[in-house]
Amino acid sequence: MSTAFKSFLVRLLMFSALVGGALAAWNAFMPVWRQHPLSWALFGFFVVITALVHYILLRSGEGDPKAFVRMFMGLTTFKLFIFLVVIVLYAFANKALAVQFIIHFLVFYLLFTTFEVALLYKHFLPKR
């Protein structure tokens, strides 16, 4: 395991603790109709997916920069497609909780994608 990925995992753990704390506060203070019973599972799903995608991207970035760009675009497209399928399937299967699920999903997606892209950008900046 590379030092860059170890550093990422430490930062991901700290970021996840912050987001997890916010989720715990949300679940403690918001009315039940604004919560979702799968919010913690969804949170864990995003932590795992973020770590896995970041690992793959770091590995692809070790060689040709063009390979990294292709891998980044391909993984991003694949992730969006899979996430869309998950959202649509859940919405059809559980219409009563679909809105809460989609809102939680969107918030986690924005938070974890922003975190991942920021760290990738910082990692692949030209060293001076």
C-alpha atoms as a PDB file:
ATOM      1  CA  MET A   1       0.000   0.000   0.000  1.00  0.00           C
ATOM      2  CA  SER A   2       1.477   3.318  -1.069  1.00  0.00           C
ATOM      3  CA  THR A   3       2.073   6.191   1.308  1.00  0.00           C
ATOM      4  CA  ALA A   4      -0.260   8.364  -0.774  1.00  0.00           C
ATOM      5  CA  PHE A   5      -3.122   5.923  -0.231  1.00  0.00           C
ATOM      6  CA  LYS A   6      -2.326   5.582   3.485  1.00  0.00           C
ATOM      7  CA  SER A   7      -2.425   9.364   3.777  1.00  0.00           C
ATOM      8  CA  PHE A   8      -5.731   9.378   1.910  1.00  0.00           C
ATOM      9  CA  LEU A   9      -7.191   6.754   4.250  1.00  0.00           C
ATOM     10  CA  VAL A  10      -6.262   8.829   7.290  1.00  0.00           C
ATOM     11  CA  ARG A  11      -7.906  11.893   5.750  1.00  0.00           C
ATOM     12  CA  LEU A  12     -10.921   9.827   4.713  1.00  0.00           C
ATOM     13  CA  LEU A  13     -11.252   8.554   8.284  1.00  0.00           C
ATOM     14  CA  MET A  14     -11.186  12.112   9.649  1.00  0.00           C
ATOM     15  CA  PHE A  15     -13.629  13.342   6.998  1.00  0.00           C
ATOM     16  CA  SER A  16     -15.908  10.362   7.622  1.00  0.00           C
ATOM     17  CA  ALA A  17     -15.882  11.057  11.347  1.00  0.00           C
ATOM     18  CA  LEU A  18     -16.964  14.626  10.634  1.00  0.00           C
ATOM     19  CA  VAL A  19     -19.717  13.553   8.228  1.00  0.00           C
ATOM     20  CA  GLY A  20     -20.761  10.750  10.586  1.00  0.00           C
ATOM     21  CA  GLY A  21     -21.038  13.259  13.421  1.00  0.00           C
ATOM     22  CA  ALA A  22     -23.197  15.484  11.248  1.00  0.00           C
ATOM     23  CA  LEU A  23     -25.372  12.488  10.344  1.00  0.00           C
ATOM     24  CA  ALA A  24     -25.728  11.534  14.016  1.00  0.00           C
ATOM     25  CA  ALA A  25     -26.746  15.112  14.839  1.00  0.00           C
ATOM     26  CA  TRP A  26     -29.201  15.093  11.924  1.00  0.00           C
ATOM     27  CA  ASN A  27     -30.787  11.876  13.118  1.00  0.00           C
ATOM     28  CA  ALA A  28     -30.923  13.144  16.713  1.00  0.00           C
ATOM     29  CA  PHE A  29     -32.478  16.544  16.060  1.00  0.00           C
ATOM     30  CA  MET A  30     -34.568  16.203  12.904  1.00  0.00           C
ATOM     31  CA  PRO A  31     -38.120  14.915  12.846  1.00  0.00           C
ATOM     32  CA  VAL A  32     -38.538  11.249  11.949  1.00  0.00           C
ATOM     33  CA  TRP A  33     -40.043  12.032   8.548  1.00  0.00           C
ATOM     34  CA  ARG A  34     -36.774  13.728   7.512  1.00  0.00           C
ATOM     35  CA  GLN A  35     -34.606  10.782   8.520  1.00  0.00           C
ATOM     36  CA  HIS A  36     -33.998   7.595   6.603  1.00  0.00           C
ATOM     37  CA  PRO A  37     -33.539   4.147   8.191  1.00  0.00           C
ATOM     38  CA  LEU A  38     -30.719   3.286   5.765  1.00  0.00           C
ATOM     39  CA  SER A  39     -28.776   6.519   6.250  1.00  0.00           C
ATOM     40  CA  TRP A  40     -25.903   4.785   8.079  1.00  0.00           C
ATOM     41  CA  ALA A  41     -25.691   2.032   5.468  1.00  0.00           C
ATOM     42  CA  LEU A  42     -25.664   4.682   2.761  1.00  0.00           C
ATOM     43  CA  PHE A  43     -22.914   6.525   4.628  1.00  0.00           C
ATOM     44  CA  GLY A  44     -20.818   3.344   4.831  1.00  0.00           C
ATOM     45  CA  PHE A  45     -21.458   2.655   1.137  1.00  0.00           C
ATOM     46  CA  PHE A  46     -20.013   6.045   0.204  1.00  0.00           C
ATOM     47  CA  VAL A  47     -16.966   5.614   2.448  1.00  0.00           C
ATOM     48  CA  VAL A  48     -16.144   2.260   0.842  1.00  0.00           C
ATOM     49  CA  ILE A  49     -16.806   3.435  -2.727  1.00  0.00           C
ATOM     50  CA  THR A  50     -14.692   6.567  -2.189  1.00  0.00           C
ATOM     51  CA  ALA A  51     -11.749   4.533  -0.858  1.00  0.00           C
ATOM     52  CA  LEU A  52     -12.001   1.969  -3.663  1.00  0.00           C
ATOM     53  CA  VAL A  53     -12.233   4.534  -6.464  1.00  0.00           C
ATOM     54  CA  HIS A  54      -9.401   6.601  -5.017  1.00  0.00           C
ATOM     55  CA  TYR A  55      -7.172   3.520  -4.807  1.00  0.00           C
ATOM     56  CA  ILE A  56      -7.885   2.629  -8.439  1.00  0.00           C
ATOM     57  CA  LEU A  57      -7.230   6.189  -9.571  1.00  0.00           C
ATOM     58  CA  LEU A  58      -3.947   6.420  -7.665  1.00  0.00           C
ATOM     59  CA  ARG A  59      -2.817   3.163  -9.265  1.00  0.00           C
ATOM     60  CA  SER A  60      -3.745   4.375 -12.734  1.00  0.00           C
ATOM     61  CA  GLY A  61      -1.970   7.689 -12.150  1.00  0.00           C
ATOM     62  CA  GLU A  62       1.386   6.018 -11.548  1.00  0.00           C
ATOM     63  CA  GLY A  63       1.996   5.571 -15.272  1.00  0.00           C
ATOM     64  CA  ASP A  64       0.797   7.486 -18.279  1.00  0.00           C
ATOM     65  CA  PRO A  65      -1.194  10.666 -17.488  1.00  0.00           C
ATOM     66  CA  LYS A  66      -3.521   9.887 -20.383  1.00  0.00           C
ATOM     67  CA  ALA A  67      -4.359   6.554 -18.763  1.00  0.00           C
ATOM     68  CA  PHE A  68      -5.307   8.397 -15.561  1.00  0.00           C
ATOM     69  CA  VAL A  69      -7.626  10.747 -17.436  1.00  0.00           C
ATOM     70  CA  ARG A  70      -9.316   7.836 -19.209  1.00  0.00           C
ATOM     71  CA  MET A  71      -9.665   5.916 -15.958  1.00  0.00           C
ATOM     72  CA  PHE A  72     -11.019   8.969 -14.121  1.00  0.00           C
ATOM     73  CA  MET A  73     -13.601   9.669 -16.806  1.00  0.00           C
ATOM     74  CA  GLY A  74     -14.546   6.002 -17.089  1.00  0.00           C
ATOM     75  CA  LEU A  75     -14.887   5.464 -13.339  1.00  0.00           C
ATOM     76  CA  THR A  76     -16.855   8.673 -12.921  1.00  0.00           C
ATOM     77  CA  THR A  77     -19.245   7.643 -15.675  1.00  0.00           C
ATOM     78  CA  PHE A  78     -19.565   4.135 -14.244  1.00  0.00           C
ATOM     79  CA  LYS A  79     -20.169   5.491 -10.738  1.00  0.00           C
ATOM     80  CA  LEU A  80     -22.861   7.873 -11.957  1.00  0.00           C
ATOM     81  CA  PHE A  81     -24.593   5.089 -13.871  1.00  0.00           C
ATOM     82  CA  ILE A  82     -24.507   2.676 -10.912  1.00  0.00           C
ATOM     83  CA  PHE A  83     -25.661   5.400  -8.518  1.00  0.00           C
ATOM     84  CA  LEU A  84     -28.536   6.277 -10.838  1.00  0.00           C
ATOM     85  CA  VAL A  85     -29.560   2.628 -11.001  1.00  0.00           C
ATOM     86  CA  VAL A  86     -29.473   2.373  -7.186  1.00  0.00           C
ATOM     87  CA  ILE A  87     -31.605   5.500  -6.802  1.00  0.00           C
ATOM     88  CA  VAL A  88     -34.175   4.438  -9.406  1.00  0.00           C
ATOM     89  CA  LEU A  89     -34.452   0.880  -8.075  1.00  0.00           C
ATOM     90  CA  TYR A  90     -34.879   2.116  -4.509  1.00  0.00           C
ATOM     91  CA  ALA A  91     -37.436   4.724  -5.569  1.00  0.00           C
ATOM     92  CA  PHE A  92     -39.534   2.090  -7.358  1.00  0.00           C
ATOM     93  CA  ALA A  93     -39.200  -0.435  -4.532  1.00  0.00           C
ATOM     94  CA  ASN A  94     -39.955   1.963  -1.672  1.00  0.00           C
ATOM     95  CA  LYS A  95     -41.974   4.950  -2.827  1.00  0.00           C
ATOM     96  CA  ALA A  96     -42.818   6.091   0.701  1.00  0.00           C
ATOM     97  CA  LEU A  97     -39.172   6.753   1.630  1.00  0.00           C
ATOM     98  CA  ALA A  98     -37.832   7.621  -1.816  1.00  0.00           C
ATOM     99  CA  VAL A  99     -37.537  11.378  -1.228  1.00  0.00           C
ATOM    100  CA  GLN A 100     -35.562  10.992   2.015  1.00  0.00           C
ATOM    101  CA  PHE A 101     -33.314   8.379   0.372  1.00  0.00           C
ATOM    102  CA  ILE A 102     -32.606  10.591  -2.634  1.00  0.00           C
ATOM    103  CA  ILE A 103     -31.842  13.612  -0.446  1.00  0.00           C
ATOM    104  CA  HIS A 104     -29.454  11.605   1.749  1.00  0.00           C
ATOM    105  CA  PHE A 105     -27.862  10.075  -1.350  1.00  0.00           C
ATOM    106  CA  LEU A 106     -27.371  13.473  -2.978  1.00  0.00           C
ATOM    107  CA  VAL A 107     -25.802  15.011   0.123  1.00  0.00           C
ATOM    108  CA  PHE A 108     -23.409  12.083   0.577  1.00  0.00           C
ATOM    109  CA  TYR A 109     -22.565  12.096  -3.137  1.00  0.00           C
ATOM    110  CA  LEU A 110     -21.730  15.802  -3.125  1.00  0.00           C
ATOM    111  CA  LEU A 111     -19.680  15.610   0.074  1.00  0.00           C
ATOM    112  CA  PHE A 112     -17.643  12.532  -0.806  1.00  0.00           C
ATOM    113  CA  THR A 113     -17.121  13.452  -4.465  1.00  0.00           C
ATOM    114  CA  THR A 114     -15.895  16.930  -3.536  1.00  0.00           C
ATOM    115  CA  PHE A 115     -13.566  15.421  -0.944  1.00  0.00           C
ATOM    116  CA  GLU A 116     -12.169  12.872  -3.390  1.00  0.00           C
ATOM    117  CA  VAL A 117     -11.657  15.313  -6.263  1.00  0.00           C
ATOM    118  CA  ALA A 118      -9.964  17.856  -3.984  1.00  0.00           C
ATOM    119  CA  LEU A 119      -7.480  15.272  -2.740  1.00  0.00           C
ATOM    120  CA  LEU A 120      -6.851  13.919  -6.245  1.00  0.00           C
ATOM    121  CA  TYR A 121      -6.225  17.434  -7.489  1.00  0.00           C
ATOM    122  CA  LYS A 122      -3.807  18.090  -4.644  1.00  0.00           C
ATOM    123  CA  HIS A 123      -2.020  14.763  -5.225  1.00  0.00           C
ATOM    124  CA  PHE A 124      -1.556  15.223  -8.975  1.00  0.00           C
ATOM    125  CA  LEU A 125      -0.591  18.901  -8.946  1.00  0.00           C
ATOM    126  CA  PRO A 126       2.809  19.421 -10.543  1.00  0.00           C
ATOM    127  CA  LYS A 127       5.453  19.473  -7.819  1.00  0.00           C
ATOM    128  CA  ARG A 128       7.530  22.634  -7.689  1.00  0.00           C
END
